[in-house]
Amino acid sequence: MAIVLNLRQPQVTEFYTEHWKLKGLYMLNQIYQENKDDFGYFVRLYRLAKSARMDARSVIRLLEIANNDLQSVEYRCERSKRDLDSLEADNRNSARLFQELTDQIATMRKRLDSTRLDYEKEMVIKGTNCQ
């Protein structure tokens, strides 16, 4: 629209802010005026929140939790990731050990069955020889 009307950027920005004022969006105008040279991080925060399907209440709650404690939150997050990795490794190891024990039980059952058959054969042979 600015090109069609042959307007320069400062004039377009002025029209936008006037439009915000007329629509009662005073806070938006105030925030823009305070941060107009670095407004990108607001846009990035908005997009990250949207992609995470977070509503405004959730973003506010997250910021309150992390307020002045971001280092601690990051540390706990990293520690939780390491703990999760460790638990997953333990789980894989336990599954491997379980499979090994299951295989050993199956092998022992086969041995037991084989020994029982050998014993029964021996008893039959001895029983036949004794009579």
N, C-alpha and C. Protein backbone atom coordinates (compact mmCIF):
# COMPACT_ATOMS: atom_id res chain seq x y z
N MET A 1 0.82 -1.18 0.00
CA MET A 1 0.00 0.00 0.00
C MET A 1 0.87 1.25 0.00
N ALA A 2 1.99 1.16 0.73
CA ALA A 2 2.90 2.31 0.80
C ALA A 2 3.44 2.66 -0.58
N ILE A 3 3.69 1.64 -1.39
CA ILE A 3 4.22 1.87 -2.74
C ILE A 3 3.15 2.53 -3.61
N VAL A 4 1.92 2.03 -3.51
CA VAL A 4 0.82 2.58 -4.30
C VAL A 4 0.59 4.04 -3.96
N LEU A 5 0.67 4.37 -2.67
CA LEU A 5 0.45 5.74 -2.23
C LEU A 5 1.72 6.59 -2.30
N ASN A 6 2.82 5.96 -2.69
CA ASN A 6 4.10 6.64 -2.80
C ASN A 6 4.50 7.29 -1.46
N LEU A 7 4.46 6.46 -0.40
CA LEU A 7 4.81 6.93 0.94
C LEU A 7 6.13 6.31 1.37
N ARG A 8 6.86 7.03 2.19
CA ARG A 8 8.12 6.53 2.72
C ARG A 8 7.85 5.82 4.06
N GLN A 9 8.81 5.02 4.48
CA GLN A 9 8.66 4.19 5.68
C GLN A 9 8.30 4.99 6.92
N PRO A 10 8.95 6.11 7.22
CA PRO A 10 8.58 6.85 8.44
C PRO A 10 7.12 7.30 8.43
N GLN A 11 6.64 7.69 7.25
CA GLN A 11 5.26 8.15 7.14
C GLN A 11 4.29 6.98 7.34
N VAL A 12 4.64 5.81 6.78
CA VAL A 12 3.80 4.62 6.94
C VAL A 12 3.76 4.21 8.40
N THR A 13 4.92 4.23 9.08
CA THR A 13 4.98 3.89 10.50
C THR A 13 4.12 4.86 11.30
N GLU A 14 4.17 6.12 10.96
CA GLU A 14 3.35 7.11 11.65
C GLU A 14 1.87 6.81 11.47
N PHE A 15 1.48 6.43 10.26
CA PHE A 15 0.08 6.07 9.99
C PHE A 15 -0.34 4.84 10.79
N TYR A 16 0.57 3.86 10.86
CA TYR A 16 0.27 2.65 11.65
C TYR A 16 0.03 3.00 13.11
N THR A 17 0.93 3.81 13.67
CA THR A 17 0.77 4.15 15.08
C THR A 17 -0.48 5.00 15.31
N GLU A 18 -0.82 5.86 14.39
CA GLU A 18 -2.06 6.63 14.50
C GLU A 18 -3.26 5.70 14.43
N HIS A 19 -3.19 4.71 13.57
CA HIS A 19 -4.26 3.72 13.44
C HIS A 19 -4.44 2.96 14.76
N TRP A 20 -3.32 2.56 15.37
CA TRP A 20 -3.38 1.86 16.65
C TRP A 20 -4.05 2.75 17.70
N LYS A 21 -3.68 4.02 17.73
CA LYS A 21 -4.26 4.95 18.70
C LYS A 21 -5.77 5.06 18.47
N LEU A 22 -6.18 5.21 17.22
CA LEU A 22 -7.60 5.33 16.91
C LEU A 22 -8.39 4.07 17.28
N LYS A 23 -7.74 2.90 17.18
CA LYS A 23 -8.40 1.63 17.50
C LYS A 23 -8.33 1.32 19.00
N GLY A 24 -7.71 2.20 19.77
CA GLY A 24 -7.62 1.98 21.20
C GLY A 24 -6.51 1.02 21.60
N LEU A 25 -5.57 0.81 20.73
CA LEU A 25 -4.47 -0.11 21.01
C LEU A 25 -3.27 0.68 21.56
N TYR A 26 -3.53 1.40 22.64
CA TYR A 26 -2.50 2.27 23.22
C TYR A 26 -1.28 1.48 23.69
N MET A 27 -1.53 0.33 24.31
CA MET A 27 -0.41 -0.47 24.81
C MET A 27 0.48 -0.94 23.66
N LEU A 28 -0.14 -1.35 22.57
CA LEU A 28 0.63 -1.79 21.40
C LEU A 28 1.50 -0.65 20.89
N ASN A 29 0.92 0.53 20.81
CA ASN A 29 1.68 1.70 20.37
C ASN A 29 2.81 2.00 21.34
N GLN A 30 2.52 1.94 22.64
CA GLN A 30 3.54 2.23 23.65
C GLN A 30 4.68 1.21 23.57
N ILE A 31 4.33 -0.07 23.48
CA ILE A 31 5.36 -1.12 23.39
C ILE A 31 6.19 -0.93 22.12
N TYR A 32 5.51 -0.62 21.03
CA TYR A 32 6.23 -0.40 19.78
C TYR A 32 7.19 0.79 19.91
N GLN A 33 6.71 1.88 20.49
CA GLN A 33 7.56 3.07 20.64
C GLN A 33 8.78 2.78 21.51
N GLU A 34 8.59 1.98 22.55
CA GLU A 34 9.70 1.65 23.44
C GLU A 34 10.70 0.71 22.81
N ASN A 35 10.26 -0.10 21.86
CA ASN A 35 11.10 -1.17 21.32
C ASN A 35 11.20 -1.19 19.80
N LYS A 36 10.87 -0.12 19.14
CA LYS A 36 10.76 -0.17 17.69
C LYS A 36 12.05 -0.61 16.99
N ASP A 37 13.19 -0.32 17.57
CA ASP A 37 14.44 -0.74 16.93
C ASP A 37 14.78 -2.20 17.20
N ASP A 38 14.12 -2.80 18.19
CA ASP A 38 14.40 -4.20 18.54
C ASP A 38 13.10 -4.96 18.76
N PHE A 39 12.18 -4.81 17.83
CA PHE A 39 10.85 -5.42 17.97
C PHE A 39 10.85 -6.90 17.58
N GLY A 40 11.93 -7.34 16.94
CA GLY A 40 12.01 -8.72 16.44
C GLY A 40 11.87 -9.77 17.52
N TYR A 41 12.37 -9.48 18.73
CA TYR A 41 12.28 -10.51 19.76
C TYR A 41 10.84 -10.72 20.22
N PHE A 42 9.99 -9.69 20.15
CA PHE A 42 8.57 -9.89 20.45
C PHE A 42 7.93 -10.82 19.43
N VAL A 43 8.29 -10.59 18.18
CA VAL A 43 7.75 -11.42 17.11
C VAL A 43 8.25 -12.85 17.28
N ARG A 44 9.51 -13.02 17.61
CA ARG A 44 10.08 -14.36 17.80
C ARG A 44 9.40 -15.07 18.98
N LEU A 45 9.21 -14.36 20.08
CA LEU A 45 8.52 -14.93 21.24
C LEU A 45 7.12 -15.36 20.86
N TYR A 46 6.41 -14.52 20.13
CA TYR A 46 5.06 -14.85 19.68
C TYR A 46 5.05 -16.12 18.82
N ARG A 47 5.97 -16.19 17.88
CA ARG A 47 6.03 -17.36 16.98
C ARG A 47 6.41 -18.63 17.73
N LEU A 48 7.37 -18.52 18.65
CA LEU A 48 7.75 -19.70 19.44
C LEU A 48 6.58 -20.18 20.30
N ALA A 49 5.87 -19.25 20.90
CA ALA A 49 4.71 -19.62 21.72
C ALA A 49 3.65 -20.28 20.86
N LYS A 50 3.40 -19.73 19.68
CA LYS A 50 2.39 -20.32 18.78
C LYS A 50 2.80 -21.72 18.34
N SER A 51 4.06 -21.90 17.97
CA SER A 51 4.50 -23.21 17.50
C SER A 51 4.47 -24.24 18.64
N ALA A 52 4.62 -23.77 19.88
CA ALA A 52 4.54 -24.66 21.04
C ALA A 52 3.08 -24.79 21.53
N ARG A 53 2.17 -24.16 20.81
CA ARG A 53 0.73 -24.16 21.16
C ARG A 53 0.49 -23.64 22.58
N MET A 54 1.22 -22.59 22.92
CA MET A 54 1.07 -21.97 24.23
C MET A 54 0.19 -20.73 24.10
N ASP A 55 -0.74 -20.59 25.01
CA ASP A 55 -1.54 -19.37 25.02
C ASP A 55 -0.82 -18.32 25.87
N ALA A 56 -1.39 -17.13 25.91
CA ALA A 56 -0.74 -16.02 26.63
C ALA A 56 -0.56 -16.36 28.11
N ARG A 57 -1.54 -17.00 28.71
CA ARG A 57 -1.46 -17.36 30.13
C ARG A 57 -0.27 -18.29 30.38
N SER A 58 -0.06 -19.24 29.48
CA SER A 58 1.06 -20.18 29.65
C SER A 58 2.40 -19.48 29.51
N VAL A 59 2.50 -18.56 28.56
CA VAL A 59 3.75 -17.81 28.37
C VAL A 59 4.04 -16.97 29.61
N ILE A 60 3.01 -16.32 30.12
CA ILE A 60 3.17 -15.50 31.33
C ILE A 60 3.61 -16.38 32.50
N ARG A 61 2.99 -17.53 32.65
CA ARG A 61 3.35 -18.45 33.75
C ARG A 61 4.80 -18.92 33.60
N LEU A 62 5.19 -19.25 32.39
CA LEU A 62 6.56 -19.68 32.13
C LEU A 62 7.55 -18.58 32.50
N LEU A 63 7.25 -17.37 32.12
CA LEU A 63 8.13 -16.25 32.45
C LEU A 63 8.18 -16.00 33.95
N GLU A 64 7.05 -16.17 34.63
CA GLU A 64 7.05 -16.00 36.08
C GLU A 64 7.89 -17.07 36.76
N ILE A 65 7.81 -18.30 36.27
CA ILE A 65 8.60 -19.39 36.85
C ILE A 65 10.09 -19.12 36.65
N ALA A 66 10.44 -18.67 35.46
CA ALA A 66 11.85 -18.47 35.13
C ALA A 66 12.37 -17.10 35.55
N ASN A 67 11.50 -16.24 36.07
CA ASN A 67 11.89 -14.88 36.42
C ASN A 67 13.10 -14.85 37.34
N ASN A 68 14.14 -14.22 36.89
CA ASN A 68 15.39 -14.06 37.64
C ASN A 68 16.00 -15.40 38.06
N ASP A 69 15.55 -16.47 37.51
CA ASP A 69 16.07 -17.78 37.88
C ASP A 69 16.33 -18.62 36.64
N LEU A 70 16.56 -17.96 35.53
CA LEU A 70 16.71 -18.67 34.26
C LEU A 70 17.88 -19.65 34.30
N GLN A 71 18.99 -19.25 34.92
CA GLN A 71 20.14 -20.16 35.00
C GLN A 71 19.77 -21.44 35.73
N SER A 72 19.05 -21.31 36.82
CA SER A 72 18.65 -22.48 37.59
C SER A 72 17.69 -23.36 36.79
N VAL A 73 16.76 -22.74 36.07
CA VAL A 73 15.81 -23.50 35.25
C VAL A 73 16.56 -24.23 34.14
N GLU A 74 17.49 -23.55 33.49
CA GLU A 74 18.28 -24.18 32.43
C GLU A 74 19.10 -25.34 32.99
N TYR A 75 19.71 -25.13 34.16
CA TYR A 75 20.51 -26.19 34.79
C TYR A 75 19.64 -27.40 35.09
N ARG A 76 18.47 -27.16 35.69
CA ARG A 76 17.57 -28.27 36.01
C ARG A 76 17.09 -28.98 34.75
N CYS A 77 16.86 -28.23 33.71
CA CYS A 77 16.44 -28.83 32.44
C CYS A 77 17.54 -29.72 31.89
N GLU A 78 18.77 -29.23 31.88
CA GLU A 78 19.90 -30.02 31.38
C GLU A 78 20.11 -31.26 32.25
N ARG A 79 20.01 -31.08 33.57
CA ARG A 79 20.17 -32.21 34.48
C ARG A 79 19.07 -33.25 34.24
N SER A 80 17.85 -32.78 34.02
CA SER A 80 16.74 -33.69 33.73
C SER A 80 16.96 -34.45 32.43
N LYS A 81 17.51 -33.77 31.43
CA LYS A 81 17.82 -34.44 30.16
C LYS A 81 18.88 -35.53 30.38
N ARG A 82 19.92 -35.21 31.18
CA ARG A 82 20.95 -36.20 31.46
C ARG A 82 20.37 -37.38 32.24
N ASP A 83 19.51 -37.07 33.22
CA ASP A 83 18.86 -38.14 33.99
C ASP A 83 18.01 -39.01 33.09
N LEU A 84 17.29 -38.40 32.18
CA LEU A 84 16.46 -39.15 31.24
C LEU A 84 17.32 -40.05 30.37
N ASP A 85 18.42 -39.50 29.85
CA ASP A 85 19.34 -40.32 29.04
C ASP A 85 19.85 -41.51 29.84
N SER A 86 20.20 -41.24 31.10
CA SER A 86 20.71 -42.31 31.97
C SER A 86 19.64 -43.37 32.21
N LEU A 87 18.42 -42.93 32.48
CA LEU A 87 17.32 -43.88 32.72
C LEU A 87 17.02 -44.70 31.46
N GLU A 88 17.08 -44.05 30.30
CA GLU A 88 16.85 -44.79 29.05
C GLU A 88 17.96 -45.82 28.82
N ALA A 89 19.21 -45.46 29.15
CA ALA A 89 20.31 -46.42 29.02
C ALA A 89 20.12 -47.57 30.01
N ASP A 90 19.72 -47.25 31.23
CA ASP A 90 19.44 -48.30 32.22
C ASP A 90 18.31 -49.22 31.73
N ASN A 91 17.30 -48.62 31.14
CA ASN A 91 16.18 -49.39 30.63
C ASN A 91 16.62 -50.35 29.52
N ARG A 92 17.45 -49.83 28.60
CA ARG A 92 17.98 -50.69 27.52
C ARG A 92 18.82 -51.82 28.11
N ASN A 93 19.65 -51.49 29.10
CA ASN A 93 20.50 -52.50 29.75
C ASN A 93 19.65 -53.54 30.46
N SER A 94 18.60 -53.09 31.15
CA SER A 94 17.71 -54.02 31.84
C SER A 94 16.99 -54.93 30.85
N ALA A 95 16.58 -54.38 29.73
CA ALA A 95 15.91 -55.19 28.71
C ALA A 95 16.87 -56.25 28.16
N ARG A 96 18.14 -55.85 27.96
CA ARG A 96 19.14 -56.80 27.48
C ARG A 96 19.38 -57.90 28.51
N LEU A 97 19.52 -57.52 29.79
CA LEU A 97 19.72 -58.51 30.85
C LEU A 97 18.51 -59.43 30.99
N PHE A 98 17.32 -58.87 30.88
CA PHE A 98 16.11 -59.67 30.94
C PHE A 98 16.10 -60.72 29.83
N GLN A 99 16.49 -60.29 28.62
CA GLN A 99 16.52 -61.22 27.49
C GLN A 99 17.56 -62.32 27.73
N GLU A 100 18.73 -61.93 28.26
CA GLU A 100 19.76 -62.93 28.56
C GLU A 100 19.25 -63.94 29.59
N LEU A 101 18.60 -63.46 30.65
CA LEU A 101 18.07 -64.36 31.68
C LEU A 101 16.97 -65.26 31.11
N THR A 102 16.12 -64.70 30.27
CA THR A 102 15.07 -65.49 29.63
C THR A 102 15.68 -66.59 28.78
N ASP A 103 16.73 -66.24 28.04
CA ASP A 103 17.43 -67.24 27.21
C ASP A 103 18.07 -68.31 28.09
N GLN A 104 18.69 -67.91 29.21
CA GLN A 104 19.31 -68.88 30.12
C GLN A 104 18.26 -69.81 30.73
N ILE A 105 17.11 -69.26 31.10
CA ILE A 105 16.03 -70.09 31.65
C ILE A 105 15.57 -71.10 30.61
N ALA A 106 15.42 -70.66 29.37
CA ALA A 106 15.00 -71.57 28.30
C ALA A 106 16.04 -72.67 28.11
N THR A 107 17.31 -72.31 28.14
CA THR A 107 18.39 -73.30 27.99
C THR A 107 18.36 -74.29 29.16
N MET A 108 18.18 -73.80 30.37
CA MET A 108 18.13 -74.67 31.55
C MET A 108 16.91 -75.59 31.50
N ARG A 109 15.79 -75.11 31.02
CA ARG A 109 14.61 -75.97 30.89
C ARG A 109 14.88 -77.11 29.91
N LYS A 110 15.55 -76.75 28.80
CA LYS A 110 15.89 -77.80 27.81
C LYS A 110 16.81 -78.84 28.45
N ARG A 111 17.81 -78.35 29.22
CA ARG A 111 18.72 -79.27 29.89
C ARG A 111 17.97 -80.16 30.89
N LEU A 112 17.08 -79.54 31.64
CA LEU A 112 16.29 -80.27 32.62
C LEU A 112 15.44 -81.33 31.93
N ASP A 113 14.78 -80.94 30.83
CA ASP A 113 13.96 -81.90 30.08
C ASP A 113 14.83 -83.04 29.54
N SER A 114 15.99 -82.70 29.01
CA SER A 114 16.91 -83.70 28.47
C SER A 114 17.40 -84.63 29.58
N THR A 115 17.76 -84.06 30.73
CA THR A 115 18.22 -84.87 31.87
C THR A 115 17.10 -85.78 32.36
N ARG A 116 15.88 -85.24 32.42
CA ARG A 116 14.74 -86.03 32.85
C ARG A 116 14.51 -87.21 31.89
N LEU A 117 14.60 -86.94 30.57
CA LEU A 117 14.43 -88.02 29.59
C LEU A 117 15.53 -89.06 29.73
N ASP A 118 16.77 -88.59 29.91
CA ASP A 118 17.88 -89.53 30.11
C ASP A 118 17.64 -90.37 31.37
N TYR A 119 17.18 -89.75 32.44
CA TYR A 119 16.90 -90.46 33.68
C TYR A 119 15.80 -91.50 33.47
N GLU A 120 14.74 -91.08 32.78
CA GLU A 120 13.63 -92.01 32.55
C GLU A 120 14.09 -93.20 31.69
N LYS A 121 14.91 -92.92 30.69
CA LYS A 121 15.45 -94.00 29.84
C LYS A 121 16.29 -94.95 30.69
N GLU A 122 17.12 -94.34 31.55
CA GLU A 122 17.99 -95.14 32.42
C GLU A 122 17.15 -96.02 33.35
N MET A 123 16.07 -95.43 33.87
CA MET A 123 15.21 -96.20 34.76
C MET A 123 14.51 -97.33 34.03
N VAL A 124 14.15 -97.10 32.79
CA VAL A 124 13.50 -98.13 31.98
C VAL A 124 14.50 -99.26 31.72
N ILE A 125 15.74 -98.86 31.37
CA ILE A 125 16.77 -99.87 31.09
C ILE A 125 17.08 -100.67 32.36
N LYS A 126 17.24 -100.00 33.48
CA LYS A 126 17.51 -100.69 34.73
C LYS A 126 16.34 -101.55 35.15
N GLY A 127 15.16 -101.04 34.92
CA GLY A 127 13.96 -101.80 35.27
C GLY A 127 13.85 -103.06 34.43
N THR A 128 14.27 -102.98 33.20
CA THR A 128 14.22 -104.15 32.34
C THR A 128 15.32 -105.13 32.70
N ASN A 129 16.47 -104.67 33.06
CA ASN A 129 17.60 -105.53 33.42
C ASN A 129 17.39 -106.20 34.77
N CYS A 130 16.71 -105.53 35.67
CA CYS A 130 16.51 -106.07 37.01
C CYS A 130 15.51 -107.22 36.99
N GLN A 131 14.65 -107.35 36.09
CA GLN A 131 13.61 -108.38 36.09
C GLN A 131 14.12 -109.58 35.46
